[in-house]
Amino acid sequence: MKSNRVTELFGIELPIIQGGMVWISGWRLAAAVSNAGGLGLLGAGSMTPDLLREHIQKMKAATTKPWGVNLPLMNPATEEFVKIVIDEKVPVVFTSAGSPKKYTALFHEHGIKVCHVVSSSKFAGKCEEAGVDAVVCEGFEAGGHNGREETTTMTLIPQVRKATSLPLIAAGGIASGEAIFAAMALGAEGVQIGTLFALTEESSASEAFKMRCTTLEEGDTMLTLKLLSPTRLVKNALYCRIDEAEKEGASKEDLLKLVPPGSARRGIFEDDIENGEVEIGQIASAIKAVHPVAEVMKRLVDEFHTVKEKSANF
């Protein structure tokens, strides 16, 4: 993989960014990805302000490589998170679930690079207007909270590429060197990977979560909760209750009762894989074992170079 605008922007060796996933992306995972040449991200969405500060400080002790924090902007603690990120001199912030306009200039004043996650070419254009440094276009194959448009990654990349001149990172359904090559062929300059890193040894997810997700088959995850915030979930007892309620015309209030606060924590972090939200991407069906991050990163690079050599004969 050659140096490009993404590697130069973040000061990393490989254009591979780890998703900042709730209950999964703690300092061990993020440090492992950064130490392997990518960009590790702490997932602030499931942290308290004090816990975020703790993970930031542990991150500083665990790596000298570039890293960052993912901030969902709709989080009630966002103002506190922003202050901590600035106070702790975090080098990179990935924002999502909200408008990047509010904090981008402030982050830039403190030398922090900003990347925003979008699910459409329309919002990619707005990111450029907001002054962010790069954009992630995420297809609906991705796990967890997702775009309402249900646009696939391979459809989205070229459309976003036309809509913005910013460095472009592709996400959703990417878990192999071949997929990285395909994303770059369509115009991406880097990739953000969630599911594959969620199922590594360093991930904070529970062992029950990892075991369940490595046994999934095609079609075992579905995008649901579209009246609230579209979320890709594993088909379990909770999903079946949600699906039945949605088919019966459940209101937002009805759905909120089915997924009270803490549902994602229970499904991802606390072993309740039947009645918690088990959030994972479609590509989980291709992942059958849990490996260390360093091994995963080496495999991604090897696969990328193999398919690149083969492409010379296309």
C-alpha atoms as a PDB file:
ATOM      1  CA  MET A   1       0.000   0.000   0.000  1.00  0.00           C
ATOM      2  CA  LYS A   2       1.458   3.309  -1.068  1.00  0.00           C
ATOM      3  CA  SER A   3       1.458   6.567   0.842  1.00  0.00           C
ATOM      4  CA  ASN A   4      -1.491   8.753  -0.092  1.00  0.00           C
ATOM      5  CA  ARG A   5      -3.514  11.687   1.231  1.00  0.00           C
ATOM      6  CA  VAL A   6      -5.033   9.610   4.044  1.00  0.00           C
ATOM      7  CA  THR A   7      -1.724   8.259   5.340  1.00  0.00           C
ATOM      8  CA  GLU A   8      -0.133  11.700   5.043  1.00  0.00           C
ATOM      9  CA  LEU A   9      -3.046  13.442   6.787  1.00  0.00           C
ATOM     10  CA  PHE A  10      -2.921  11.198   9.845  1.00  0.00           C
ATOM     11  CA  GLY A  11       0.792  10.359   9.769  1.00  0.00           C
ATOM     12  CA  ILE A  12       0.163   6.607   9.528  1.00  0.00           C
ATOM     13  CA  GLU A  13       1.878   3.828   7.591  1.00  0.00           C
ATOM     14  CA  LEU A  14      -1.238   2.086   6.283  1.00  0.00           C
ATOM     15  CA  PRO A  15      -4.531   3.661   5.139  1.00  0.00           C
ATOM     16  CA  ILE A  16      -6.498   1.484   7.559  1.00  0.00           C
ATOM     17  CA  ILE A  17      -8.606   3.096  10.281  1.00  0.00           C
ATOM     18  CA  GLN A  18     -10.272   1.124  13.061  1.00  0.00           C
ATOM     19  CA  GLY A  19     -13.895   2.028  13.741  1.00  0.00           C
ATOM     20  CA  GLY A  20     -14.617   3.746  17.055  1.00  0.00           C
ATOM     21  CA  MET A  21     -17.286   1.268  18.153  1.00  0.00           C
ATOM     22  CA  VAL A  22     -19.307   1.484  21.361  1.00  0.00           C
ATOM     23  CA  TRP A  23     -18.357  -1.069  24.047  1.00  0.00           C
ATOM     24  CA  ILE A  24     -15.653  -2.425  21.732  1.00  0.00           C
ATOM     25  CA  SER A  25     -13.062   0.243  20.949  1.00  0.00           C
ATOM     26  CA  GLY A  26     -11.087   0.722  24.137  1.00  0.00           C
ATOM     27  CA  TRP A  27      -7.418   1.591  24.481  1.00  0.00           C
ATOM     28  CA  ARG A  28      -6.159  -1.986  23.987  1.00  0.00           C
ATOM     29  CA  LEU A  29      -7.780  -2.316  20.563  1.00  0.00           C
ATOM     30  CA  ALA A  30      -6.956   1.206  19.427  1.00  0.00           C
ATOM     31  CA  ALA A  31      -3.322   0.946  20.548  1.00  0.00           C
ATOM     32  CA  ALA A  32      -2.907  -2.419  18.812  1.00  0.00           C
ATOM     33  CA  VAL A  33      -4.167  -1.006  15.503  1.00  0.00           C
ATOM     34  CA  SER A  34      -1.968   2.085  15.767  1.00  0.00           C
ATOM     35  CA  ASN A  35       1.079   0.021  16.694  1.00  0.00           C
ATOM     36  CA  ALA A  36       0.442  -2.146  13.614  1.00  0.00           C
ATOM     37  CA  GLY A  37       0.583   0.878  11.326  1.00  0.00           C
ATOM     38  CA  GLY A  38      -3.062   1.918  11.107  1.00  0.00           C
ATOM     39  CA  LEU A  39      -5.083   4.538  12.975  1.00  0.00           C
ATOM     40  CA  GLY A  40      -6.708   3.312  16.176  1.00  0.00           C
ATOM     41  CA  LEU A  41      -9.770   5.127  17.516  1.00  0.00           C
ATOM     42  CA  LEU A  42     -11.264   5.167  20.995  1.00  0.00           C
ATOM     43  CA  GLY A  43     -15.051   4.844  20.959  1.00  0.00           C
ATOM     44  CA  ALA A  44     -16.305   7.647  23.220  1.00  0.00           C
ATOM     45  CA  GLY A  45     -19.957   6.814  22.554  1.00  0.00           C
ATOM     46  CA  SER A  46     -20.155   4.261  25.368  1.00  0.00           C
ATOM     47  CA  MET A  47     -17.844   6.043  27.797  1.00  0.00           C
ATOM     48  CA  THR A  48     -18.377   8.533  30.597  1.00  0.00           C
ATOM     49  CA  PRO A  49     -16.170  11.631  30.474  1.00  0.00           C
ATOM     50  CA  ASP A  50     -13.962  10.251  33.242  1.00  0.00           C
ATOM     51  CA  LEU A  51     -13.618   6.913  31.468  1.00  0.00           C
ATOM     52  CA  LEU A  52     -12.711   8.622  28.199  1.00  0.00           C
ATOM     53  CA  ARG A  53      -9.961  10.551  29.945  1.00  0.00           C
ATOM     54  CA  GLU A  54      -8.689   7.310  31.495  1.00  0.00           C
ATOM     55  CA  HIS A  55      -8.593   5.552  28.106  1.00  0.00           C
ATOM     56  CA  ILE A  56      -6.853   8.530  26.505  1.00  0.00           C
ATOM     57  CA  GLN A  57      -4.132   8.458  29.148  1.00  0.00           C
ATOM     58  CA  LYS A  58      -3.697   4.692  28.800  1.00  0.00           C
ATOM     59  CA  MET A  59      -3.545   5.157  25.029  1.00  0.00           C
ATOM     60  CA  LYS A  60      -0.699   7.628  25.407  1.00  0.00           C
ATOM     61  CA  ALA A  61       1.209   5.091  27.490  1.00  0.00           C
ATOM     62  CA  ALA A  62       0.545   2.225  25.061  1.00  0.00           C
ATOM     63  CA  THR A  63       1.631   3.782  21.756  1.00  0.00           C
ATOM     64  CA  THR A  64       3.747   6.537  20.273  1.00  0.00           C
ATOM     65  CA  LYS A  65       1.931   6.202  16.939  1.00  0.00           C
ATOM     66  CA  PRO A  66      -0.953   8.425  15.749  1.00  0.00           C
ATOM     67  CA  TRP A  67      -4.433   7.672  17.123  1.00  0.00           C
ATOM     68  CA  GLY A  68      -7.746   9.392  17.695  1.00  0.00           C
ATOM     69  CA  VAL A  69     -11.190   9.467  19.282  1.00  0.00           C
ATOM     70  CA  ASN A  70     -14.578   8.844  17.696  1.00  0.00           C
ATOM     71  CA  LEU A  71     -17.227  11.293  18.983  1.00  0.00           C
ATOM     72  CA  PRO A  72     -20.933  10.718  18.230  1.00  0.00           C
ATOM     73  CA  LEU A  73     -22.149  14.331  18.269  1.00  0.00           C
ATOM     74  CA  MET A  74     -25.630  13.479  19.542  1.00  0.00           C
ATOM     75  CA  ASN A  75     -24.221  12.102  22.795  1.00  0.00           C
ATOM     76  CA  PRO A  76     -25.458  14.101  25.840  1.00  0.00           C
ATOM     77  CA  ALA A  77     -21.872  14.362  27.096  1.00  0.00           C
ATOM     78  CA  THR A  78     -20.462  15.776  23.849  1.00  0.00           C
ATOM     79  CA  GLU A  79     -19.500  19.160  25.343  1.00  0.00           C
ATOM     80  CA  GLU A  80     -17.517  17.429  28.096  1.00  0.00           C
ATOM     81  CA  PHE A  81     -15.923  15.053  25.592  1.00  0.00           C
ATOM     82  CA  VAL A  82     -14.822  17.955  23.404  1.00  0.00           C
ATOM     83  CA  LYS A  83     -13.178  19.684  26.359  1.00  0.00           C
ATOM     84  CA  ILE A  84     -11.349  16.485  27.344  1.00  0.00           C
ATOM     85  CA  VAL A  85     -10.151  15.898  23.769  1.00  0.00           C
ATOM     86  CA  ILE A  86      -8.740  19.422  23.655  1.00  0.00           C
ATOM     87  CA  ASP A  87      -7.244  19.294  27.158  1.00  0.00           C
ATOM     88  CA  GLU A  88      -5.572  15.944  26.468  1.00  0.00           C
ATOM     89  CA  LYS A  89      -4.268  17.096  23.056  1.00  0.00           C
ATOM     90  CA  VAL A  90      -5.852  14.227  21.126  1.00  0.00           C
ATOM     91  CA  PRO A  91      -4.406  14.445  17.577  1.00  0.00           C
ATOM     92  CA  VAL A  92      -7.402  13.203  15.549  1.00  0.00           C
ATOM     93  CA  VAL A  93     -11.174  13.235  15.992  1.00  0.00           C
ATOM     94  CA  PHE A  94     -13.705  11.289  13.935  1.00  0.00           C
ATOM     95  CA  THR A  95     -17.186  12.769  14.350  1.00  0.00           C
ATOM     96  CA  SER A  96     -20.483  11.096  13.531  1.00  0.00           C
ATOM     97  CA  ALA A  97     -24.247  11.243  14.191  1.00  0.00           C
ATOM     98  CA  GLY A  98     -24.632  15.001  13.826  1.00  0.00           C
ATOM     99  CA  SER A  99     -23.385  18.084  11.995  1.00  0.00           C
ATOM    100  CA  PRO A 100     -19.609  18.582  11.867  1.00  0.00           C
ATOM    101  CA  LYS A 101     -19.996  22.375  11.690  1.00  0.00           C
ATOM    102  CA  LYS A 102     -20.327  22.935  15.426  1.00  0.00           C
ATOM    103  CA  TYR A 103     -16.862  21.805  16.525  1.00  0.00           C
ATOM    104  CA  THR A 104     -14.610  21.566  13.450  1.00  0.00           C
ATOM    105  CA  ALA A 105     -13.238  25.107  13.683  1.00  0.00           C
ATOM    106  CA  LEU A 106     -12.659  24.706  17.428  1.00  0.00           C
ATOM    107  CA  PHE A 107     -10.761  21.464  16.914  1.00  0.00           C
ATOM    108  CA  HIS A 108      -8.664  23.058  14.176  1.00  0.00           C
ATOM    109  CA  GLU A 109      -7.766  25.940  16.516  1.00  0.00           C
ATOM    110  CA  HIS A 110      -6.137  23.326  18.746  1.00  0.00           C
ATOM    111  CA  GLY A 111      -4.354  21.484  15.926  1.00  0.00           C
ATOM    112  CA  ILE A 112      -6.764  18.541  15.885  1.00  0.00           C
ATOM    113  CA  LYS A 113      -7.556  16.909  12.548  1.00  0.00           C
ATOM    114  CA  VAL A 114     -11.245  16.199  11.905  1.00  0.00           C
ATOM    115  CA  CYS A 115     -12.900  13.464   9.851  1.00  0.00           C
ATOM    116  CA  HIS A 116     -16.692  13.076   9.623  1.00  0.00           C
ATOM    117  CA  VAL A 117     -18.738   9.945   8.845  1.00  0.00           C
ATOM    118  CA  VAL A 118     -21.563  10.197   6.277  1.00  0.00           C
ATOM    119  CA  SER A 119     -23.957   7.821   4.535  1.00  0.00           C
ATOM    120  CA  SER A 120     -24.710   9.915   1.434  1.00  0.00           C
ATOM    121  CA  SER A 121     -22.992  12.120  -1.148  1.00  0.00           C
ATOM    122  CA  LYS A 122     -25.242  15.041  -0.087  1.00  0.00           C
ATOM    123  CA  PHE A 123     -23.803  15.054   3.424  1.00  0.00           C
ATOM    124  CA  ALA A 124     -20.278  14.571   2.087  1.00  0.00           C
ATOM    125  CA  GLY A 125     -20.647  17.899   0.324  1.00  0.00           C
ATOM    126  CA  LYS A 126     -21.793  19.519   3.567  1.00  0.00           C
ATOM    127  CA  CYS A 127     -18.693  18.147   5.276  1.00  0.00           C
ATOM    128  CA  GLU A 128     -16.482  19.963   2.807  1.00  0.00           C
ATOM    129  CA  GLU A 129     -18.417  23.175   3.485  1.00  0.00           C
ATOM    130  CA  ALA A 130     -17.867  22.611   7.211  1.00  0.00           C
ATOM    131  CA  GLY A 131     -14.101  22.454   6.675  1.00  0.00           C
ATOM    132  CA  VAL A 132     -13.365  18.909   7.827  1.00  0.00           C
ATOM    133  CA  ASP A 133     -10.076  17.322   6.763  1.00  0.00           C
ATOM    134  CA  ALA A 134     -11.478  14.030   5.439  1.00  0.00           C
ATOM    135  CA  VAL A 135     -14.726  12.124   5.124  1.00  0.00           C
ATOM    136  CA  VAL A 136     -15.783   8.516   5.740  1.00  0.00           C
ATOM    137  CA  CYS A 137     -18.553   7.196   3.496  1.00  0.00           C
ATOM    138  CA  GLU A 138     -20.240   4.284   5.246  1.00  0.00           C
ATOM    139  CA  GLY A 139     -22.458   1.818   3.399  1.00  0.00           C
ATOM    140  CA  PHE A 140     -25.433   0.116   4.995  1.00  0.00           C
ATOM    141  CA  GLU A 141     -23.571  -3.197   5.311  1.00  0.00           C
ATOM    142  CA  ALA A 142     -21.950  -1.733   8.422  1.00  0.00           C
ATOM    143  CA  GLY A 143     -22.943  -2.773  11.920  1.00  0.00           C
ATOM    144  CA  GLY A 144     -24.622  -0.620  14.524  1.00  0.00           C
ATOM    145  CA  HIS A 145     -26.176   2.746  13.654  1.00  0.00           C
ATOM    146  CA  ASN A 146     -26.516   3.257   9.958  1.00  0.00           C
ATOM    147  CA  GLY A 147     -27.755   5.536   7.176  1.00  0.00           C
ATOM    148  CA  ARG A 148     -31.430   5.730   6.282  1.00  0.00           C
ATOM    149  CA  GLU A 149     -30.642   5.586   2.571  1.00  0.00           C
ATOM    150  CA  GLU A 150     -29.530   1.926   2.710  1.00  0.00           C
ATOM    151  CA  THR A 151     -26.890   2.603   0.056  1.00  0.00           C
ATOM    152  CA  THR A 152     -24.233  -0.085  -0.263  1.00  0.00           C
ATOM    153  CA  THR A 153     -20.576   0.778   0.159  1.00  0.00           C
ATOM    154  CA  MET A 154     -19.586  -0.014  -3.411  1.00  0.00           C
ATOM    155  CA  THR A 155     -22.443   2.144  -4.714  1.00  0.00           C
ATOM    156  CA  LEU A 156     -21.659   4.971  -2.313  1.00  0.00           C
ATOM    157  CA  ILE A 157     -17.899   5.352  -2.852  1.00  0.00           C
ATOM    158  CA  PRO A 158     -17.940   6.666  -6.451  1.00  0.00           C
ATOM    159  CA  GLN A 159     -20.886   8.964  -5.741  1.00  0.00           C
ATOM    160  CA  VAL A 160     -19.166  10.520  -2.742  1.00  0.00           C
ATOM    161  CA  ARG A 161     -15.941  10.748  -4.735  1.00  0.00           C
ATOM    162  CA  LYS A 162     -17.768  12.935  -7.259  1.00  0.00           C
ATOM    163  CA  ALA A 163     -19.347  15.054  -4.519  1.00  0.00           C
ATOM    164  CA  THR A 164     -16.188  16.047  -2.650  1.00  0.00           C
ATOM    165  CA  SER A 165     -12.488  16.631  -3.221  1.00  0.00           C
ATOM    166  CA  LEU A 166     -11.662  15.674   0.388  1.00  0.00           C
ATOM    167  CA  PRO A 167      -9.575  12.587   1.211  1.00  0.00           C
ATOM    168  CA  LEU A 168     -12.091   9.741   1.116  1.00  0.00           C
ATOM    169  CA  ILE A 169     -12.260   6.755   3.468  1.00  0.00           C
ATOM    170  CA  ALA A 170     -14.668   3.880   2.737  1.00  0.00           C
ATOM    171  CA  ALA A 171     -16.471   1.858   5.413  1.00  0.00           C
ATOM    172  CA  GLY A 172     -19.036  -0.920   5.600  1.00  0.00           C
ATOM    173  CA  GLY A 173     -18.476  -4.569   4.710  1.00  0.00           C
ATOM    174  CA  ILE A 174     -14.680  -4.313   4.424  1.00  0.00           C
ATOM    175  CA  ALA A 175     -12.763  -7.157   6.055  1.00  0.00           C
ATOM    176  CA  SER A 176     -10.176  -8.301   3.508  1.00  0.00           C
ATOM    177  CA  GLY A 177      -7.337  -6.996   1.394  1.00  0.00           C
ATOM    178  CA  GLU A 178      -9.455  -7.694  -1.675  1.00  0.00           C
ATOM    179  CA  ALA A 179     -12.205  -5.427  -0.340  1.00  0.00           C
ATOM    180  CA  ILE A 180      -9.664  -2.689   0.388  1.00  0.00           C
ATOM    181  CA  PHE A 181      -8.402  -2.952  -3.190  1.00  0.00           C
ATOM    182  CA  ALA A 182     -11.958  -2.766  -4.546  1.00  0.00           C
ATOM    183  CA  ALA A 183     -12.748   0.306  -2.440  1.00  0.00           C
ATOM    184  CA  MET A 184      -9.639   2.053  -3.683  1.00  0.00           C
ATOM    185  CA  ALA A 185     -10.408   1.129  -7.279  1.00  0.00           C
ATOM    186  CA  LEU A 186     -13.698   3.000  -6.864  1.00  0.00           C
ATOM    187  CA  GLY A 187     -12.048   6.142  -5.511  1.00  0.00           C
ATOM    188  CA  ALA A 188     -11.396   5.633  -1.801  1.00  0.00           C
ATOM    189  CA  GLU A 189      -7.964   6.499  -0.403  1.00  0.00           C
ATOM    190  CA  GLY A 190      -8.354   4.524   2.794  1.00  0.00           C
ATOM    191  CA  VAL A 191     -10.762   2.271   4.647  1.00  0.00           C
ATOM    192  CA  GLN A 192     -12.397   2.212   8.050  1.00  0.00           C
ATOM    193  CA  ILE A 193     -12.931  -1.274   9.441  1.00  0.00           C
ATOM    194  CA  GLY A 194     -15.250  -2.101  12.322  1.00  0.00           C
ATOM    195  CA  THR A 195     -16.571  -5.669  12.365  1.00  0.00           C
ATOM    196  CA  LEU A 196     -13.219  -7.342  11.680  1.00  0.00           C
ATOM    197  CA  PHE A 197     -11.564  -5.459  14.551  1.00  0.00           C
ATOM    198  CA  ALA A 198     -14.561  -6.035  16.828  1.00  0.00           C
ATOM    199  CA  LEU A 199     -13.786  -9.742  16.515  1.00  0.00           C
ATOM    200  CA  THR A 200     -10.122  -9.567  17.516  1.00  0.00           C
ATOM    201  CA  GLU A 201      -8.465 -10.556  20.776  1.00  0.00           C
ATOM    202  CA  GLU A 202      -7.945  -6.920  21.816  1.00  0.00           C
ATOM    203  CA  SER A 203     -11.580  -5.904  21.328  1.00  0.00           C
ATOM    204  CA  SER A 204     -13.458  -5.022  24.530  1.00  0.00           C
ATOM    205  CA  ALA A 205     -16.531  -6.975  23.410  1.00  0.00           C
ATOM    206  CA  SER A 206     -17.489  -9.966  25.547  1.00  0.00           C
ATOM    207  CA  GLU A 207     -16.344 -13.443  24.618  1.00  0.00           C
ATOM    208  CA  ALA A 208     -20.000 -14.447  24.202  1.00  0.00           C
ATOM    209  CA  PHE A 209     -20.427 -11.664  21.645  1.00  0.00           C
ATOM    210  CA  LYS A 210     -17.343 -12.752  19.728  1.00  0.00           C
ATOM    211  CA  MET A 211     -18.367 -16.418  19.749  1.00  0.00           C
ATOM    212  CA  ARG A 212     -21.876 -15.601  18.509  1.00  0.00           C
ATOM    213  CA  CYS A 213     -20.665 -13.286  15.761  1.00  0.00           C
ATOM    214  CA  THR A 214     -18.095 -15.764  14.432  1.00  0.00           C
ATOM    215  CA  THR A 215     -20.883 -18.328  13.930  1.00  0.00           C
ATOM    216  CA  LEU A 216     -23.148 -16.055  11.883  1.00  0.00           C
ATOM    217  CA  GLU A 217     -24.244 -17.025   8.400  1.00  0.00           C
ATOM    218  CA  GLU A 218     -25.356 -14.790   5.534  1.00  0.00           C
ATOM    219  CA  GLY A 219     -28.601 -13.076   6.396  1.00  0.00           C
ATOM    220  CA  ASP A 220     -28.184 -13.393  10.162  1.00  0.00           C
ATOM    221  CA  THR A 221     -28.035  -9.606  10.595  1.00  0.00           C
ATOM    222  CA  MET A 222     -30.718  -7.103   9.587  1.00  0.00           C
ATOM    223  CA  LEU A 223     -31.101  -3.334   9.483  1.00  0.00           C
ATOM    224  CA  THR A 224     -33.939  -2.475  11.845  1.00  0.00           C
ATOM    225  CA  LEU A 225     -35.303   0.287  14.151  1.00  0.00           C
ATOM    226  CA  LYS A 226     -35.719   2.584  11.161  1.00  0.00           C
ATOM    227  CA  LEU A 227     -38.241   4.785  12.980  1.00  0.00           C
ATOM    228  CA  LEU A 228     -35.619   5.537  15.634  1.00  0.00           C
ATOM    229  CA  SER A 229     -32.081   5.283  14.282  1.00  0.00           C
ATOM    230  CA  PRO A 230     -31.461   2.506  11.714  1.00  0.00           C
ATOM    231  CA  THR A 231     -29.370  -0.158  13.446  1.00  0.00           C
ATOM    232  CA  ARG A 232     -27.948  -3.423  12.135  1.00  0.00           C
ATOM    233  CA  LEU A 233     -28.567  -6.210  14.634  1.00  0.00           C
ATOM    234  CA  VAL A 234     -28.000  -9.934  14.863  1.00  0.00           C
ATOM    235  CA  LYS A 235     -31.241 -11.898  14.728  1.00  0.00           C
ATOM    236  CA  ASN A 236     -31.825 -12.859  18.343  1.00  0.00           C
ATOM    237  CA  ALA A 237     -34.764 -12.801  20.765  1.00  0.00           C
ATOM    238  CA  LEU A 238     -34.662  -8.993  21.001  1.00  0.00           C
ATOM    239  CA  TYR A 239     -34.535  -8.630  17.226  1.00  0.00           C
ATOM    240  CA  CYS A 240     -37.561 -10.925  16.861  1.00  0.00           C
ATOM    241  CA  ARG A 241     -39.554  -8.774  19.280  1.00  0.00           C
ATOM    242  CA  ILE A 242     -38.566  -5.630  17.380  1.00  0.00           C
ATOM    243  CA  ASP A 243     -39.373  -7.210  14.016  1.00  0.00           C
ATOM    244  CA  GLU A 244     -42.798  -8.351  15.196  1.00  0.00           C
ATOM    245  CA  ALA A 245     -43.577  -4.912  16.642  1.00  0.00           C
ATOM    246  CA  GLU A 246     -42.492  -3.128  13.454  1.00  0.00           C
ATOM    247  CA  LYS A 247     -44.654  -5.399  11.311  1.00  0.00           C
ATOM    248  CA  GLU A 248     -47.601  -4.510  13.546  1.00  0.00           C
ATOM    249  CA  GLY A 249     -46.973  -0.785  13.035  1.00  0.00           C
ATOM    250  CA  ALA A 250     -45.279   0.022  16.330  1.00  0.00           C
ATOM    251  CA  SER A 251     -44.746   3.702  17.138  1.00  0.00           C
ATOM    252  CA  LYS A 252     -41.435   5.270  18.157  1.00  0.00           C
ATOM    253  CA  GLU A 253     -42.586   5.155  21.759  1.00  0.00           C
ATOM    254  CA  ASP A 254     -43.372   1.433  21.479  1.00  0.00           C
ATOM    255  CA  LEU A 255     -39.941   0.704  20.017  1.00  0.00           C
ATOM    256  CA  LEU A 256     -38.164   2.713  22.697  1.00  0.00           C
ATOM    257  CA  LYS A 257     -39.769   0.466  25.297  1.00  0.00           C
ATOM    258  CA  LEU A 258     -38.308  -2.568  23.532  1.00  0.00           C
ATOM    259  CA  VAL A 259     -34.762  -1.135  23.456  1.00  0.00           C
ATOM    260  CA  PRO A 260     -34.293   0.803  26.711  1.00  0.00           C
ATOM    261  CA  PRO A 261     -30.967   2.472  27.572  1.00  0.00           C
ATOM    262  CA  GLY A 262     -28.263  -0.113  28.113  1.00  0.00           C
ATOM    263  CA  SER A 263     -29.459  -2.545  25.436  1.00  0.00           C
ATOM    264  CA  ALA A 264     -26.236  -2.231  23.423  1.00  0.00           C
ATOM    265  CA  ARG A 265     -24.108  -2.607  26.558  1.00  0.00           C
ATOM    266  CA  ARG A 266     -25.910  -5.816  27.464  1.00  0.00           C
ATOM    267  CA  GLY A 267     -25.609  -7.283  23.973  1.00  0.00           C
ATOM    268  CA  ILE A 268     -22.000  -6.327  23.256  1.00  0.00           C
ATOM    269  CA  PHE A 269     -20.303  -6.063  26.632  1.00  0.00           C
ATOM    270  CA  GLU A 270     -22.298  -8.079  29.175  1.00  0.00           C
ATOM    271  CA  ASP A 271     -22.909 -11.462  27.519  1.00  0.00           C
ATOM    272  CA  ASP A 272     -26.679 -11.012  26.980  1.00  0.00           C
ATOM    273  CA  ILE A 273     -26.619 -12.071  23.354  1.00  0.00           C
ATOM    274  CA  GLU A 274     -30.314 -12.962  23.259  1.00  0.00           C
ATOM    275  CA  ASN A 275     -31.971  -9.933  24.862  1.00  0.00           C
ATOM    276  CA  GLY A 276     -29.366  -7.251  24.222  1.00  0.00           C
ATOM    277  CA  GLU A 277     -28.568  -5.354  21.026  1.00  0.00           C
ATOM    278  CA  VAL A 278     -25.921  -7.448  19.267  1.00  0.00           C
ATOM    279  CA  GLU A 279     -24.592  -4.933  16.754  1.00  0.00           C
ATOM    280  CA  ILE A 280     -22.299  -6.229  14.000  1.00  0.00           C
ATOM    281  CA  GLY A 281     -21.859  -5.800  10.251  1.00  0.00           C
ATOM    282  CA  GLN A 282     -22.955  -8.116   7.448  1.00  0.00           C
ATOM    283  CA  ILE A 283     -19.355  -9.145   6.811  1.00  0.00           C
ATOM    284  CA  ALA A 284     -19.299 -10.997  10.152  1.00  0.00           C
ATOM    285  CA  SER A 285     -20.562 -14.056   8.278  1.00  0.00           C
ATOM    286  CA  ALA A 286     -17.136 -14.251   6.590  1.00  0.00           C
ATOM    287  CA  ILE A 287     -15.213 -14.128   9.888  1.00  0.00           C
ATOM    288  CA  LYS A 288     -14.965 -17.498  11.610  1.00  0.00           C
ATOM    289  CA  ALA A 289     -12.225 -17.007  14.203  1.00  0.00           C
ATOM    290  CA  VAL A 290     -10.807 -14.431  16.591  1.00  0.00           C
ATOM    291  CA  HIS A 291      -7.184 -13.352  16.002  1.00  0.00           C
ATOM    292  CA  PRO A 292      -4.771 -10.740  17.379  1.00  0.00           C
ATOM    293  CA  VAL A 293      -4.832  -7.336  15.672  1.00  0.00           C
ATOM    294  CA  ALA A 294      -1.236  -7.636  14.441  1.00  0.00           C
ATOM    295  CA  GLU A 295      -2.081 -10.868  12.634  1.00  0.00           C
ATOM    296  CA  VAL A 296      -5.215  -9.337  11.108  1.00  0.00           C
ATOM    297  CA  MET A 297      -3.328  -6.292   9.850  1.00  0.00           C
ATOM    298  CA  LYS A 298      -0.600  -8.410   8.252  1.00  0.00           C
ATOM    299  CA  ARG A 299      -3.210 -10.537   6.498  1.00  0.00           C
ATOM    300  CA  LEU A 300      -4.988  -7.455   5.129  1.00  0.00           C
ATOM    301  CA  VAL A 301      -1.749  -6.118   3.670  1.00  0.00           C
ATOM    302  CA  ASP A 302      -0.732  -9.479   2.195  1.00  0.00           C
ATOM    303  CA  GLU A 303      -4.156  -9.970   0.601  1.00  0.00           C
ATOM    304  CA  PHE A 304      -4.080  -6.450  -0.818  1.00  0.00           C
ATOM    305  CA  HIS A 305      -0.721  -6.966  -2.502  1.00  0.00           C
ATOM    306  CA  THR A 306      -1.748 -10.379  -3.842  1.00  0.00           C
ATOM    307  CA  VAL A 307      -4.873  -9.035  -5.536  1.00  0.00           C
ATOM    308  CA  LYS A 308      -2.961  -5.995  -6.774  1.00  0.00           C
ATOM    309  CA  GLU A 309      -0.465  -8.277  -8.542  1.00  0.00           C
ATOM    310  CA  LYS A 310      -3.281 -10.352 -10.016  1.00  0.00           C
ATOM    311  CA  SER A 311      -5.019  -7.222 -11.276  1.00  0.00           C
ATOM    312  CA  ALA A 312      -2.132  -6.574 -13.629  1.00  0.00           C
ATOM    313  CA  ASN A 313      -3.494  -9.465 -15.708  1.00  0.00           C
ATOM    314  CA  PHE A 314      -7.087  -8.231 -15.814  1.00  0.00           C
END
